[in-house]
């Protein structure tokens, strides 16, 4: 059984961390709505990996996805884990990147 938990450094409430577990042909995602909408779960995980069922709780906490085999469930687990790791990375700050291409403070020319 694989288990992964992603905690965003920007959140004070650890309870909102997304947790993923794989059990055979199924993955269970706790706090799935902190990362995805239900259409995203279907469109990014279930459909591309030929999943057979998706069950989500109305409170946005529990989701269970079923796949044709354990290998595919493992792939879905890794996708969830990578998404959680990316969410933990410091996001780029647009205002620091503005002006880098054609900004007046480029220091070019002298």
PDB file of N, CA and C in Angstrom:
ATOM      1  N   UNK A   1       0.852  -1.188   0.000  1.00  0.00           N
ATOM      2  CA  UNK A   1       0.000   0.000   0.000  1.00  0.00           C
ATOM      3  C   UNK A   1       0.888   1.238   0.000  1.00  0.00           C
ATOM      4  N   UNK A   2       0.691   2.099  -0.969  1.00  0.00           N
ATOM      5  CA  UNK A   2       1.455   3.336  -1.053  1.00  0.00           C
ATOM      6  C   UNK A   2       0.654   4.458  -0.436  1.00  0.00           C
ATOM      7  N   UNK A   3       1.350   5.425   0.134  1.00  0.00           N
ATOM      8  CA  UNK A   3       0.692   6.521   0.819  1.00  0.00           C
ATOM      9  C   UNK A   3       1.520   7.779   0.595  1.00  0.00           C
ATOM     10  N   UNK A   4       0.855   8.862   0.258  1.00  0.00           N
ATOM     11  CA  UNK A   4       1.551  10.119   0.049  1.00  0.00           C
ATOM     12  C   UNK A   4       0.703  11.253   0.596  1.00  0.00           C
ATOM     13  N   UNK A   5       1.352  12.221   1.177  1.00  0.00           N
ATOM     14  CA  UNK A   5       0.636  13.377   1.693  1.00  0.00           C
ATOM     15  C   UNK A   5       1.339  14.634   1.210  1.00  0.00           C
ATOM     16  N   UNK A   6       0.581  15.562   0.686  1.00  0.00           N
ATOM     17  CA  UNK A   6       1.146  16.822   0.211  1.00  0.00           C
ATOM     18  C   UNK A   6       0.602  17.951   1.073  1.00  0.00           C
ATOM     19  N   UNK A   7       1.495  18.675   1.674  1.00  0.00           N
ATOM     20  CA  UNK A   7       1.074  19.797   2.506  1.00  0.00           C
ATOM     21  C   UNK A   7       1.591  21.085   1.884  1.00  0.00           C
ATOM     22  N   UNK A   8       0.701  22.002   1.666  1.00  0.00           N
ATOM     23  CA  UNK A   8       1.085  23.280   1.096  1.00  0.00           C
ATOM     24  C   UNK A   8       1.687  24.148   2.195  1.00  0.00           C
ATOM     25  N   UNK A   9       2.822  24.751   1.904  1.00  0.00           N
ATOM     26  CA  UNK A   9       3.457  25.596   2.911  1.00  0.00           C
ATOM     27  C   UNK A   9       2.688  26.894   3.104  1.00  0.00           C
ATOM     28  N   UNK A  10       1.785  27.201   2.195  1.00  0.00           N
ATOM     29  CA  UNK A  10       1.016  28.429   2.303  1.00  0.00           C
ATOM     30  C   UNK A  10      -0.217  28.262   3.189  1.00  0.00           C
ATOM     31  N   UNK A  11      -0.516  27.040   3.600  1.00  0.00           N
ATOM     32  CA  UNK A  11      -1.696  26.795   4.416  1.00  0.00           C
ATOM     33  C   UNK A  11      -1.275  26.575   5.862  1.00  0.00           C
ATOM     34  N   UNK A  12      -2.053  27.094   6.769  1.00  0.00           N
ATOM     35  CA  UNK A  12      -1.796  26.864   8.174  1.00  0.00           C
ATOM     36  C   UNK A  12      -2.489  25.609   8.665  1.00  0.00           C
ATOM     37  N   UNK A  13      -3.515  25.163   7.953  1.00  0.00           N
ATOM     38  CA  UNK A  13      -4.303  24.026   8.400  1.00  0.00           C
ATOM     39  C   UNK A  13      -3.825  22.756   7.712  1.00  0.00           C
ATOM     40  N   UNK A  14      -3.082  21.930   8.447  1.00  0.00           N
ATOM     41  CA  UNK A  14      -2.574  20.683   7.903  1.00  0.00           C
ATOM     42  C   UNK A  14      -3.699  19.730   7.531  1.00  0.00           C
ATOM     43  N   UNK A  15      -4.883  19.940   8.086  1.00  0.00           N
ATOM     44  CA  UNK A  15      -6.002  19.070   7.771  1.00  0.00           C
ATOM     45  C   UNK A  15      -6.385  19.178   6.294  1.00  0.00           C
ATOM     46  N   UNK A  16      -6.019  20.245   5.636  1.00  0.00           N
ATOM     47  CA  UNK A  16      -6.377  20.439   4.233  1.00  0.00           C
ATOM     48  C   UNK A  16      -5.380  19.784   3.292  1.00  0.00           C
ATOM     49  N   UNK A  17      -4.367  19.096   3.830  1.00  0.00           N
ATOM     50  CA  UNK A  17      -3.374  18.451   2.977  1.00  0.00           C
ATOM     51  C   UNK A  17      -4.013  17.310   2.203  1.00  0.00           C
ATOM     52  N   UNK A  18      -3.643  17.208   0.930  1.00  0.00           N
ATOM     53  CA  UNK A  18      -4.135  16.110   0.110  1.00  0.00           C
ATOM     54  C   UNK A  18      -3.340  14.852   0.433  1.00  0.00           C
ATOM     55  N   UNK A  19      -4.031  13.752   0.630  1.00  0.00           N
ATOM     56  CA  UNK A  19      -3.403  12.465   0.917  1.00  0.00           C
ATOM     57  C   UNK A  19      -3.890  11.456  -0.119  1.00  0.00           C
ATOM     58  N   UNK A  20      -2.967  10.650  -0.628  1.00  0.00           N
ATOM     59  CA  UNK A  20      -3.304   9.662  -1.650  1.00  0.00           C
ATOM     60  C   UNK A  20      -2.862   8.283  -1.162  1.00  0.00           C
ATOM     61  N   UNK A  21      -3.740   7.308  -1.327  1.00  0.00           N
ATOM     62  CA  UNK A  21      -3.409   5.926  -1.006  1.00  0.00           C
ATOM     63  C   UNK A  21      -3.830   5.052  -2.178  1.00  0.00           C
ATOM     64  N   UNK A  22      -3.046   4.026  -2.443  1.00  0.00           N
ATOM     65  CA  UNK A  22      -3.427   3.068  -3.487  1.00  0.00           C
ATOM     66  C   UNK A  22      -3.638   1.714  -2.833  1.00  0.00           C
ATOM     67  N   UNK A  23      -4.744   1.095  -3.176  1.00  0.00           N
ATOM     68  CA  UNK A  23      -5.085  -0.233  -2.662  1.00  0.00           C
ATOM     69  C   UNK A  23      -5.522  -1.080  -3.848  1.00  0.00           C
ATOM     70  N   UNK A  24      -4.639  -1.908  -4.313  1.00  0.00           N
ATOM     71  CA  UNK A  24      -4.970  -2.746  -5.463  1.00  0.00           C
ATOM     72  C   UNK A  24      -5.231  -1.911  -6.696  1.00  0.00           C
ATOM     73  N   UNK A  25      -6.429  -2.032  -7.239  1.00  0.00           N
ATOM     74  CA  UNK A  25      -6.806  -1.306  -8.458  1.00  0.00           C
ATOM     75  C   UNK A  25      -7.439   0.041  -8.170  1.00  0.00           C
ATOM     76  N   UNK A  26      -7.469   0.454  -6.913  1.00  0.00           N
ATOM     77  CA  UNK A  26      -8.129   1.708  -6.545  1.00  0.00           C
ATOM     78  C   UNK A  26      -7.151   2.678  -5.899  1.00  0.00           C
ATOM     79  N   UNK A  27      -7.425   3.972  -6.102  1.00  0.00           N
ATOM     80  CA  UNK A  27      -6.731   4.981  -5.314  1.00  0.00           C
ATOM     81  C   UNK A  27      -7.777   5.768  -4.544  1.00  0.00           C
ATOM     82  N   UNK A  28      -7.409   6.128  -3.330  1.00  0.00           N
ATOM     83  CA  UNK A  28      -8.260   6.965  -2.496  1.00  0.00           C
ATOM     84  C   UNK A  28      -7.534   8.286  -2.294  1.00  0.00           C
ATOM     85  N   UNK A  29      -8.229   9.377  -2.536  1.00  0.00           N
ATOM     86  CA  UNK A  29      -7.648  10.706  -2.372  1.00  0.00           C
ATOM     87  C   UNK A  29      -8.442  11.418  -1.281  1.00  0.00           C
ATOM     88  N   UNK A  30      -7.748  11.818  -0.228  1.00  0.00           N
ATOM     89  CA  UNK A  30      -8.368  12.562   0.855  1.00  0.00           C
ATOM     90  C   UNK A  30      -8.083  14.039   0.615  1.00  0.00           C
ATOM     91  N   UNK A  31      -9.085  14.865   0.806  1.00  0.00           N
ATOM     92  CA  UNK A  31      -8.987  16.314   0.534  1.00  0.00           C
ATOM     93  C   UNK A  31      -8.705  16.575  -0.943  1.00  0.00           C
ATOM     94  N   UNK A  32      -9.367  15.814  -1.815  1.00  0.00           N
ATOM     95  CA  UNK A  32      -9.143  15.929  -3.253  1.00  0.00           C
ATOM     96  C   UNK A  32      -9.481  17.313  -3.784  1.00  0.00           C
ATOM     97  N   UNK A  33     -10.454  17.988  -3.160  1.00  0.00           N
ATOM     98  CA  UNK A  33     -10.895  19.274  -3.701  1.00  0.00           C
ATOM     99  C   UNK A  33      -9.911  20.405  -3.413  1.00  0.00           C
ATOM    100  N   UNK A  34      -8.859  20.137  -2.617  1.00  0.00           N
ATOM    101  CA  UNK A  34      -7.828  21.166  -2.444  1.00  0.00           C
ATOM    102  C   UNK A  34      -6.940  21.251  -3.684  1.00  0.00           C
ATOM    103  N   UNK A  35      -6.983  20.210  -4.531  1.00  0.00           N
ATOM    104  CA  UNK A  35      -6.144  20.176  -5.733  1.00  0.00           C
ATOM    105  C   UNK A  35      -6.951  20.239  -7.028  1.00  0.00           C
ATOM    106  N   UNK A  36      -8.121  19.573  -7.049  1.00  0.00           N
ATOM    107  CA  UNK A  36      -8.852  19.407  -8.290  1.00  0.00           C
ATOM    108  C   UNK A  36     -10.340  19.630  -8.109  1.00  0.00           C
ATOM    109  N   UNK A  37     -11.001  19.880  -9.227  1.00  0.00           N
ATOM    110  CA  UNK A  37     -12.462  19.832  -9.277  1.00  0.00           C
ATOM    111  C   UNK A  37     -12.839  18.411  -9.714  1.00  0.00           C
ATOM    112  N   UNK A  38     -14.105  18.075  -9.585  1.00  0.00           N
ATOM    113  CA  UNK A  38     -14.534  16.746 -10.012  1.00  0.00           C
ATOM    114  C   UNK A  38     -14.314  16.529 -11.516  1.00  0.00           C
ATOM    115  N   UNK A  39     -14.620  17.516 -12.386  1.00  0.00           N
ATOM    116  CA  UNK A  39     -14.316  17.324 -13.818  1.00  0.00           C
ATOM    117  C   UNK A  39     -12.819  17.137 -14.083  1.00  0.00           C
ATOM    118  N   UNK A  40     -11.958  17.775 -13.288  1.00  0.00           N
ATOM    119  CA  UNK A  40     -10.517  17.587 -13.468  1.00  0.00           C
ATOM    120  C   UNK A  40     -10.098  16.176 -13.077  1.00  0.00           C
ATOM    121  N   UNK A  41     -10.655  15.643 -11.990  1.00  0.00           N
ATOM    122  CA  UNK A  41     -10.353  14.259 -11.610  1.00  0.00           C
ATOM    123  C   UNK A  41     -10.706  13.315 -12.758  1.00  0.00           C
ATOM    124  N   UNK A  42     -11.863  13.555 -13.340  1.00  0.00           N
ATOM    125  CA  UNK A  42     -12.320  12.699 -14.440  1.00  0.00           C
ATOM    126  C   UNK A  42     -11.457  12.908 -15.686  1.00  0.00           C
ATOM    127  N   UNK A  43     -11.207  14.162 -16.029  1.00  0.00           N
ATOM    128  CA  UNK A  43     -10.503  14.476 -17.269  1.00  0.00           C
ATOM    129  C   UNK A  43      -8.999  14.293 -17.220  1.00  0.00           C
ATOM    130  N   UNK A  44      -8.391  14.411 -16.031  1.00  0.00           N
ATOM    131  CA  UNK A  44      -6.932  14.321 -15.914  1.00  0.00           C
ATOM    132  C   UNK A  44      -6.458  12.958 -15.422  1.00  0.00           C
ATOM    133  N   UNK A  45      -7.303  12.246 -14.686  1.00  0.00           N
ATOM    134  CA  UNK A  45      -6.888  10.954 -14.138  1.00  0.00           C
ATOM    135  C   UNK A  45      -7.723   9.794 -14.664  1.00  0.00           C
ATOM    136  N   UNK A  46      -9.019   9.845 -14.416  1.00  0.00           N
ATOM    137  CA  UNK A  46      -9.869   8.696 -14.703  1.00  0.00           C
ATOM    138  C   UNK A  46      -9.904   8.359 -16.195  1.00  0.00           C
ATOM    139  N   UNK A  47     -10.297   9.314 -17.032  1.00  0.00           N
ATOM    140  CA  UNK A  47     -10.449   9.039 -18.464  1.00  0.00           C
ATOM    141  C   UNK A  47      -9.136   8.698 -19.167  1.00  0.00           C
ATOM    142  N   UNK A  48      -8.063   9.491 -18.969  1.00  0.00           N
ATOM    143  CA  UNK A  48      -6.816   9.178 -19.691  1.00  0.00           C
ATOM    144  C   UNK A  48      -6.233   7.809 -19.325  1.00  0.00           C
ATOM    145  N   UNK A  49      -6.495   7.346 -18.097  1.00  0.00           N
ATOM    146  CA  UNK A  49      -5.944   6.063 -17.661  1.00  0.00           C
ATOM    147  C   UNK A  49      -6.980   4.937 -17.759  1.00  0.00           C
ATOM    148  N   UNK A  50      -8.066   5.205 -18.485  1.00  0.00           N
ATOM    149  CA  UNK A  50      -9.126   4.210 -18.693  1.00  0.00           C
ATOM    150  C   UNK A  50      -9.721   3.702 -17.385  1.00  0.00           C
ATOM    151  N   UNK A  51      -9.897   4.613 -16.437  1.00  0.00           N
ATOM    152  CA  UNK A  51     -10.500   4.246 -15.169  1.00  0.00           C
ATOM    153  C   UNK A  51     -11.940   3.793 -15.358  1.00  0.00           C
ATOM    154  N   UNK A  52     -12.408   2.974 -14.410  1.00  0.00           N
ATOM    155  CA  UNK A  52     -13.737   2.396 -14.547  1.00  0.00           C
ATOM    156  C   UNK A  52     -14.772   3.045 -13.647  1.00  0.00           C
ATOM    157  N   UNK A  53     -14.342   3.719 -12.571  1.00  0.00           N
ATOM    158  CA  UNK A  53     -15.330   4.414 -11.740  1.00  0.00           C
ATOM    159  C   UNK A  53     -14.678   5.529 -10.938  1.00  0.00           C
ATOM    160  N   UNK A  54     -15.499   6.507 -10.622  1.00  0.00           N
ATOM    161  CA  UNK A  54     -15.090   7.649  -9.801  1.00  0.00           C
ATOM    162  C   UNK A  54     -16.207   7.906  -8.801  1.00  0.00           C
ATOM    163  N   UNK A  55     -15.855   7.906  -7.531  1.00  0.00           N
ATOM    164  CA  UNK A  55     -16.814   8.228  -6.481  1.00  0.00           C
ATOM    165  C   UNK A  55     -16.211   9.343  -5.639  1.00  0.00           C
ATOM    166  N   UNK A  56     -16.988  10.402  -5.429  1.00  0.00           N
ATOM    167  CA  UNK A  56     -16.514  11.510  -4.598  1.00  0.00           C
ATOM    168  C   UNK A  56     -17.576  11.846  -3.557  1.00  0.00           C
ATOM    169  N   UNK A  57     -17.109  12.317  -2.416  1.00  0.00           N
ATOM    170  CA  UNK A  57     -18.044  12.761  -1.385  1.00  0.00           C
ATOM    171  C   UNK A  57     -18.430  14.201  -1.665  1.00  0.00           C
ATOM    172  N   UNK A  58     -19.625  14.554  -1.279  1.00  0.00           N
ATOM    173  CA  UNK A  58     -20.114  15.901  -1.567  1.00  0.00           C
ATOM    174  C   UNK A  58     -19.366  16.968  -0.783  1.00  0.00           C
ATOM    175  N   UNK A  59     -18.683  16.581   0.296  1.00  0.00           N
ATOM    176  CA  UNK A  59     -17.946  17.557   1.096  1.00  0.00           C
ATOM    177  C   UNK A  59     -16.555  17.850   0.538  1.00  0.00           C
ATOM    178  N   UNK A  60     -16.182  17.189  -0.551  1.00  0.00           N
ATOM    179  CA  UNK A  60     -14.888  17.456  -1.180  1.00  0.00           C
ATOM    180  C   UNK A  60     -13.716  16.813  -0.470  1.00  0.00           C
ATOM    181  N   UNK A  61     -13.979  15.862   0.412  1.00  0.00           N
ATOM    182  CA  UNK A  61     -12.885  15.253   1.163  1.00  0.00           C
ATOM    183  C   UNK A  61     -12.448  13.929   0.541  1.00  0.00           C
ATOM    184  N   UNK A  62     -13.367  13.008   0.324  1.00  0.00           N
ATOM    185  CA  UNK A  62     -13.007  11.667  -0.120  1.00  0.00           C
ATOM    186  C   UNK A  62     -13.315  11.458  -1.601  1.00  0.00           C
ATOM    187  N   UNK A  63     -12.347  10.897  -2.309  1.00  0.00           N
ATOM    188  CA  UNK A  63     -12.559  10.471  -3.692  1.00  0.00           C
ATOM    189  C   UNK A  63     -11.950   9.090  -3.846  1.00  0.00           C
ATOM    190  N   UNK A  64     -12.616   8.246  -4.604  1.00  0.00           N
ATOM    191  CA  UNK A  64     -12.096   6.910  -4.887  1.00  0.00           C
ATOM    192  C   UNK A  64     -12.192   6.662  -6.381  1.00  0.00           C
ATOM    193  N   UNK A  65     -11.063   6.339  -6.984  1.00  0.00           N
ATOM    194  CA  UNK A  65     -11.011   6.059  -8.409  1.00  0.00           C
ATOM    195  C   UNK A  65     -10.597   4.610  -8.597  1.00  0.00           C
ATOM    196  N   UNK A  66     -11.264   3.929  -9.516  1.00  0.00           N
ATOM    197  CA  UNK A  66     -10.967   2.525  -9.792  1.00  0.00           C
ATOM    198  C   UNK A  66     -10.424   2.403 -11.203  1.00  0.00           C
ATOM    199  N   UNK A  67      -9.361   1.610 -11.343  1.00  0.00           N
ATOM    200  CA  UNK A  67      -8.679   1.436 -12.618  1.00  0.00           C
ATOM    201  C   UNK A  67      -8.664  -0.044 -12.998  1.00  0.00           C
ATOM    202  N   UNK A  68      -8.338  -0.351 -14.266  1.00  0.00           N
ATOM    203  CA  UNK A  68      -8.414  -1.733 -14.733  1.00  0.00           C
ATOM    204  C   UNK A  68      -7.441  -2.679 -14.026  1.00  0.00           C
ATOM    205  N   UNK A  69      -6.300  -2.163 -13.545  1.00  0.00           N
ATOM    206  CA  UNK A  69      -5.308  -3.039 -12.910  1.00  0.00           C
ATOM    207  C   UNK A  69      -4.465  -2.242 -11.922  1.00  0.00           C
ATOM    208  N   UNK A  70      -3.662  -2.956 -11.158  1.00  0.00           N
ATOM    209  CA  UNK A  70      -2.834  -2.332 -10.124  1.00  0.00           C
ATOM    210  C   UNK A  70      -1.762  -1.426 -10.720  1.00  0.00           C
ATOM    211  N   UNK A  71      -1.234  -1.794 -11.884  1.00  0.00           N
ATOM    212  CA  UNK A  71      -0.205  -0.969 -12.528  1.00  0.00           C
ATOM    213  C   UNK A  71      -0.763   0.412 -12.862  1.00  0.00           C
ATOM    214  N   UNK A  72      -1.965   0.441 -13.398  1.00  0.00           N
ATOM    215  CA  UNK A  72      -2.588   1.714 -13.756  1.00  0.00           C
ATOM    216  C   UNK A  72      -2.921   2.519 -12.511  1.00  0.00           C
ATOM    217  N   UNK A  73      -3.388   1.856 -11.469  1.00  0.00           N
ATOM    218  CA  UNK A  73      -3.654   2.554 -10.209  1.00  0.00           C
ATOM    219  C   UNK A  73      -2.361   3.162  -9.664  1.00  0.00           C
ATOM    220  N   UNK A  74      -1.252   2.450  -9.823  1.00  0.00           N
ATOM    221  CA  UNK A  74       0.051   2.980  -9.403  1.00  0.00           C
ATOM    222  C   UNK A  74       0.441   4.214 -10.196  1.00  0.00           C
ATOM    223  N   UNK A  75       0.133   4.209 -11.496  1.00  0.00           N
ATOM    224  CA  UNK A  75       0.406   5.398 -12.325  1.00  0.00           C
ATOM    225  C   UNK A  75      -0.415   6.583 -11.831  1.00  0.00           C
ATOM    226  N   UNK A  76      -1.694   6.343 -11.535  1.00  0.00           N
ATOM    227  CA  UNK A  76      -2.564   7.418 -11.033  1.00  0.00           C
ATOM    228  C   UNK A  76      -2.039   7.954  -9.706  1.00  0.00           C
ATOM    229  N   UNK A  77      -1.574   7.061  -8.861  1.00  0.00           N
ATOM    230  CA  UNK A  77      -0.983   7.458  -7.580  1.00  0.00           C
ATOM    231  C   UNK A  77       0.215   8.380  -7.809  1.00  0.00           C
ATOM    232  N   UNK A  78       1.093   7.994  -8.735  1.00  0.00           N
ATOM    233  CA  UNK A  78       2.286   8.814  -9.012  1.00  0.00           C
ATOM    234  C   UNK A  78       1.906  10.181  -9.580  1.00  0.00           C
ATOM    235  N   UNK A  79       0.871  10.217 -10.419  1.00  0.00           N
ATOM    236  CA  UNK A  79       0.406  11.504 -10.952  1.00  0.00           C
ATOM    237  C   UNK A  79      -0.091  12.390  -9.819  1.00  0.00           C
ATOM    238  N   UNK A  80      -0.862  11.812  -8.915  1.00  0.00           N
ATOM    239  CA  UNK A  80      -1.359  12.586  -7.766  1.00  0.00           C
ATOM    240  C   UNK A  80      -0.207  13.078  -6.900  1.00  0.00           C
ATOM    241  N   UNK A  81       0.763  12.203  -6.683  1.00  0.00           N
ATOM    242  CA  UNK A  81       1.905  12.579  -5.844  1.00  0.00           C
ATOM    243  C   UNK A  81       2.701  13.716  -6.480  1.00  0.00           C
ATOM    244  N   UNK A  82       2.921  13.622  -7.792  1.00  0.00           N
ATOM    245  CA  UNK A  82       3.659  14.691  -8.479  1.00  0.00           C
ATOM    246  C   UNK A  82       2.878  16.000  -8.429  1.00  0.00           C
ATOM    247  N   UNK A  83       1.570  15.934  -8.600  1.00  0.00           N
ATOM    248  CA  UNK A  83       0.751  17.149  -8.528  1.00  0.00           C
ATOM    249  C   UNK A  83       0.837  17.763  -7.138  1.00  0.00           C
ATOM    250  N   UNK A  84       0.831  16.933  -6.119  1.00  0.00           N
ATOM    251  CA  UNK A  84       0.961  17.432  -4.755  1.00  0.00           C
ATOM    252  C   UNK A  84       2.311  18.068  -4.509  1.00  0.00           C
ATOM    253  N   UNK A  85       3.367  17.452  -5.049  1.00  0.00           N
ATOM    254  CA  UNK A  85       4.708  18.017  -4.894  1.00  0.00           C
ATOM    255  C   UNK A  85       4.823  19.352  -5.619  1.00  0.00           C
ATOM    256  N   UNK A  86       4.231  19.449  -6.803  1.00  0.00           N
ATOM    257  CA  UNK A  86       4.258  20.716  -7.536  1.00  0.00           C
ATOM    258  C   UNK A  86       3.503  21.797  -6.780  1.00  0.00           C
ATOM    259  N   UNK A  87       2.417  21.410  -6.135  1.00  0.00           N
ATOM    260  CA  UNK A  87       1.637  22.390  -5.375  1.00  0.00           C
ATOM    261  C   UNK A  87       2.422  22.917  -4.187  1.00  0.00           C
ATOM    262  N   UNK A  88       3.377  22.122  -3.689  1.00  0.00           N
ATOM    263  CA  UNK A  88       4.176  22.554  -2.554  1.00  0.00           C
ATOM    264  C   UNK A  88       5.317  23.465  -2.966  1.00  0.00           C
ATOM    265  N   UNK A  89       5.667  23.458  -4.253  1.00  0.00           N
ATOM    266  CA  UNK A  89       6.758  24.311  -4.736  1.00  0.00           C
ATOM    267  C   UNK A  89       6.340  25.772  -4.645  1.00  0.00           C
ATOM    268  N   UNK A  90       7.286  26.655  -4.340  1.00  0.00           N
ATOM    269  CA  UNK A  90       6.936  28.080  -4.353  1.00  0.00           C
ATOM    270  C   UNK A  90       6.478  28.468  -5.760  1.00  0.00           C
ATOM    271  N   UNK A  91       5.337  29.088  -5.837  1.00  0.00           N
ATOM    272  CA  UNK A  91       4.829  29.464  -7.153  1.00  0.00           C
ATOM    273  C   UNK A  91       5.604  30.671  -7.668  1.00  0.00           C
ATOM    274  N   UNK A  92       5.679  30.777  -8.987  1.00  0.00           N
ATOM    275  CA  UNK A  92       6.376  31.925  -9.558  1.00  0.00           C
ATOM    276  C   UNK A  92       5.581  33.190  -9.230  1.00  0.00           C
ATOM    277  N   UNK A  93       6.301  34.263  -9.070  1.00  0.00           N
ATOM    278  CA  UNK A  93       5.672  35.529  -8.707  1.00  0.00           C
ATOM    279  C   UNK A  93       5.654  36.411  -9.953  1.00  0.00           C
ATOM    280  N   UNK A  94       4.483  36.608 -10.564  1.00  0.00           N
ATOM    281  CA  UNK A  94       4.420  37.336 -11.837  1.00  0.00           C
ATOM    282  C   UNK A  94       5.012  38.735 -11.771  1.00  0.00           C
ATOM    283  N   UNK A  95       4.822  39.463 -10.662  1.00  0.00           N
ATOM    284  CA  UNK A  95       5.300  40.844 -10.650  1.00  0.00           C
ATOM    285  C   UNK A  95       6.823  40.928 -10.668  1.00  0.00           C
ATOM    286  N   UNK A  96       7.519  39.883 -10.248  1.00  0.00           N
ATOM    287  CA  UNK A  96       8.975  39.897 -10.340  1.00  0.00           C
ATOM    288  C   UNK A  96       9.450  39.567 -11.746  1.00  0.00           C
ATOM    289  N   UNK A  97       8.611  38.886 -12.512  1.00  0.00           N
ATOM    290  CA  UNK A  97       9.000  38.508 -13.869  1.00  0.00           C
ATOM    291  C   UNK A  97       8.626  39.572 -14.881  1.00  0.00           C
ATOM    292  N   UNK A  98       7.735  40.459 -14.519  1.00  0.00           N
ATOM    293  CA  UNK A  98       7.332  41.510 -15.446  1.00  0.00           C
ATOM    294  C   UNK A  98       8.525  42.393 -15.763  1.00  0.00           C
ATOM    295  N   UNK A  99       8.660  42.736 -17.001  1.00  0.00           N
ATOM    296  CA  UNK A  99       9.719  43.654 -17.395  1.00  0.00           C
ATOM    297  C   UNK A  99      11.021  42.963 -17.723  1.00  0.00           C
ATOM    298  N   UNK A 100      11.130  41.676 -17.517  1.00  0.00           N
ATOM    299  CA  UNK A 100      12.381  40.993 -17.815  1.00  0.00           C
ATOM    300  C   UNK A 100      12.675  40.970 -19.313  1.00  0.00           C
ATOM    301  N   UNK A 101      11.656  40.962 -20.137  1.00  0.00           N
ATOM    302  CA  UNK A 101      11.881  40.894 -21.581  1.00  0.00           C
ATOM    303  C   UNK A 101      12.196  42.252 -22.161  1.00  0.00           C
ATOM    304  N   UNK A 102      11.350  43.227 -21.883  1.00  0.00           N
ATOM    305  CA  UNK A 102      11.520  44.540 -22.497  1.00  0.00           C
ATOM    306  C   UNK A 102      11.525  45.671 -21.458  1.00  0.00           C
ATOM    307  N   UNK A 103      11.829  45.317 -20.245  1.00  0.00           N
ATOM    308  CA  UNK A 103      11.738  46.315 -19.177  1.00  0.00           C
ATOM    309  C   UNK A 103      12.818  47.369 -19.276  1.00  0.00           C
ATOM    310  N   UNK A 104      12.558  48.573 -18.763  1.00  0.00           N
ATOM    311  CA  UNK A 104      13.522  49.673 -18.837  1.00  0.00           C
ATOM    312  C   UNK A 104      14.734  49.446 -17.943  1.00  0.00           C
ATOM    313  N   UNK A 105      14.630  48.580 -16.935  1.00  0.00           N
ATOM    314  CA  UNK A 105      15.731  48.402 -16.005  1.00  0.00           C
ATOM    315  C   UNK A 105      16.568  47.172 -16.368  1.00  0.00           C
ATOM    316  N   UNK A 106      16.752  46.939 -17.634  1.00  0.00           N
ATOM    317  CA  UNK A 106      17.491  45.760 -18.061  1.00  0.00           C
ATOM    318  C   UNK A 106      18.995  45.892 -17.947  1.00  0.00           C
ATOM    319  N   UNK A 107      19.506  47.093 -17.869  1.00  0.00           N
ATOM    320  CA  UNK A 107      20.938  47.312 -17.755  1.00  0.00           C
ATOM    321  C   UNK A 107      21.683  47.047 -19.039  1.00  0.00           C
ATOM    322  N   UNK A 108      21.009  47.049 -20.154  1.00  0.00           N
ATOM    323  CA  UNK A 108      21.662  46.746 -21.401  1.00  0.00           C
ATOM    324  C   UNK A 108      22.144  48.060 -22.065  1.00  0.00           C
ATOM    325  N   UNK A 109      23.196  47.942 -22.864  1.00  0.00           N
ATOM    326  CA  UNK A 109      23.658  49.102 -23.631  1.00  0.00           C
ATOM    327  C   UNK A 109      24.886  49.742 -23.053  1.00  0.00           C
ATOM    328  N   UNK A 110      25.167  49.577 -21.784  1.00  0.00           N
ATOM    329  CA  UNK A 110      26.392  50.188 -21.228  1.00  0.00           C
ATOM    330  C   UNK A 110      27.069  49.278 -20.294  1.00  0.00           C
TER     331      UNK A 110
END
